[in-house]
């Protein structure tokens, strides 16, 4: 059986509102970049990729509306 050493990780999260907003912005940017690269690397026609991107945007907007984040 394979023996694996445990890895301990400590995470520190911001406590000030400005720093929390900055972290949220950075996470959103990384996520958006990932989705963009994923769509670009699909072996699908450009038109289909654009339809997928529109569907993702629509889903995000709907989720935000239900969460009360967009007025």
Protein backbone atom coordinates (compact mmCIF):
# COMPACT_ATOMS: atom_id res chain seq x y z
CA UNK A 1 0.00 0.00 0.00
CA UNK A 2 1.19 3.50 -0.86
CA UNK A 3 2.03 5.69 2.13
CA UNK A 4 1.23 9.35 1.81
CA UNK A 5 2.39 12.07 4.16
CA UNK A 6 -0.26 14.52 5.27
CA UNK A 7 0.07 18.05 4.00
CA UNK A 8 -1.10 20.75 6.34
CA UNK A 9 -2.34 23.93 4.75
CA UNK A 10 -3.26 27.11 6.55
CA UNK A 11 -5.40 29.67 4.78
CA UNK A 12 -5.69 33.29 5.77
CA UNK A 13 -8.64 35.26 4.50
CA UNK A 14 -9.00 39.02 4.51
CA UNK A 15 -11.11 40.59 7.21
CA UNK A 16 -11.34 44.17 5.90
CA UNK A 17 -14.19 44.91 3.48
CA UNK A 18 -11.91 46.37 0.81
CA UNK A 19 -9.62 43.34 0.89
CA UNK A 20 -12.60 40.96 0.75
CA UNK A 21 -13.93 42.75 -2.33
CA UNK A 22 -10.50 42.61 -3.96
CA UNK A 23 -10.27 38.85 -3.32
CA UNK A 24 -13.75 38.37 -4.79
CA UNK A 25 -12.76 40.40 -7.86
CA UNK A 26 -9.59 38.36 -8.36
CA UNK A 27 -11.40 35.04 -7.97
CA UNK A 28 -14.05 36.16 -10.47
CA UNK A 29 -11.31 37.18 -12.92
CA UNK A 30 -9.57 33.81 -12.67
CA UNK A 31 -12.89 32.00 -13.11
CA UNK A 32 -13.81 34.10 -16.16
CA UNK A 33 -10.37 33.49 -17.69
CA UNK A 34 -10.78 29.75 -17.15
CA UNK A 35 -14.21 29.69 -18.81
CA UNK A 36 -12.89 31.76 -21.72
CA UNK A 37 -9.90 29.48 -22.29
CA UNK A 38 -12.09 26.39 -21.98
CA UNK A 39 -14.47 27.70 -24.63
CA UNK A 40 -11.63 28.76 -26.93
CA UNK A 41 -10.09 25.28 -26.74
CA UNK A 42 -13.31 23.47 -27.61
CA UNK A 43 -13.34 21.87 -31.03
CA UNK A 44 -16.62 23.51 -31.99
CA UNK A 45 -17.56 26.17 -34.52
CA UNK A 46 -17.20 29.80 -33.42
CA UNK A 47 -20.96 30.29 -33.54
CA UNK A 48 -21.54 27.40 -31.14
CA UNK A 49 -18.88 28.73 -28.77
CA UNK A 50 -20.62 32.12 -28.75
CA UNK A 51 -23.94 30.41 -27.99
CA UNK A 52 -22.31 28.60 -25.06
CA UNK A 53 -20.82 31.86 -23.79
CA UNK A 54 -24.24 33.54 -23.99
CA UNK A 55 -25.78 30.62 -22.09
CA UNK A 56 -23.13 30.93 -19.37
CA UNK A 57 -23.74 34.68 -19.07
CA UNK A 58 -27.49 34.14 -18.91
CA UNK A 59 -27.09 31.51 -16.21
CA UNK A 60 -24.84 33.78 -14.16
CA UNK A 61 -27.28 36.70 -14.45
CA UNK A 62 -30.18 34.49 -13.43
CA UNK A 63 -28.24 33.17 -10.44
CA UNK A 64 -27.37 36.70 -9.37
CA UNK A 65 -30.98 37.82 -9.68
CA UNK A 66 -32.16 34.94 -7.51
CA UNK A 67 -29.45 35.72 -4.97
CA UNK A 68 -30.54 39.36 -4.87
CA UNK A 69 -27.15 40.60 -6.04
CA UNK A 70 -28.43 42.42 -9.12
CA UNK A 71 -31.13 45.02 -8.90
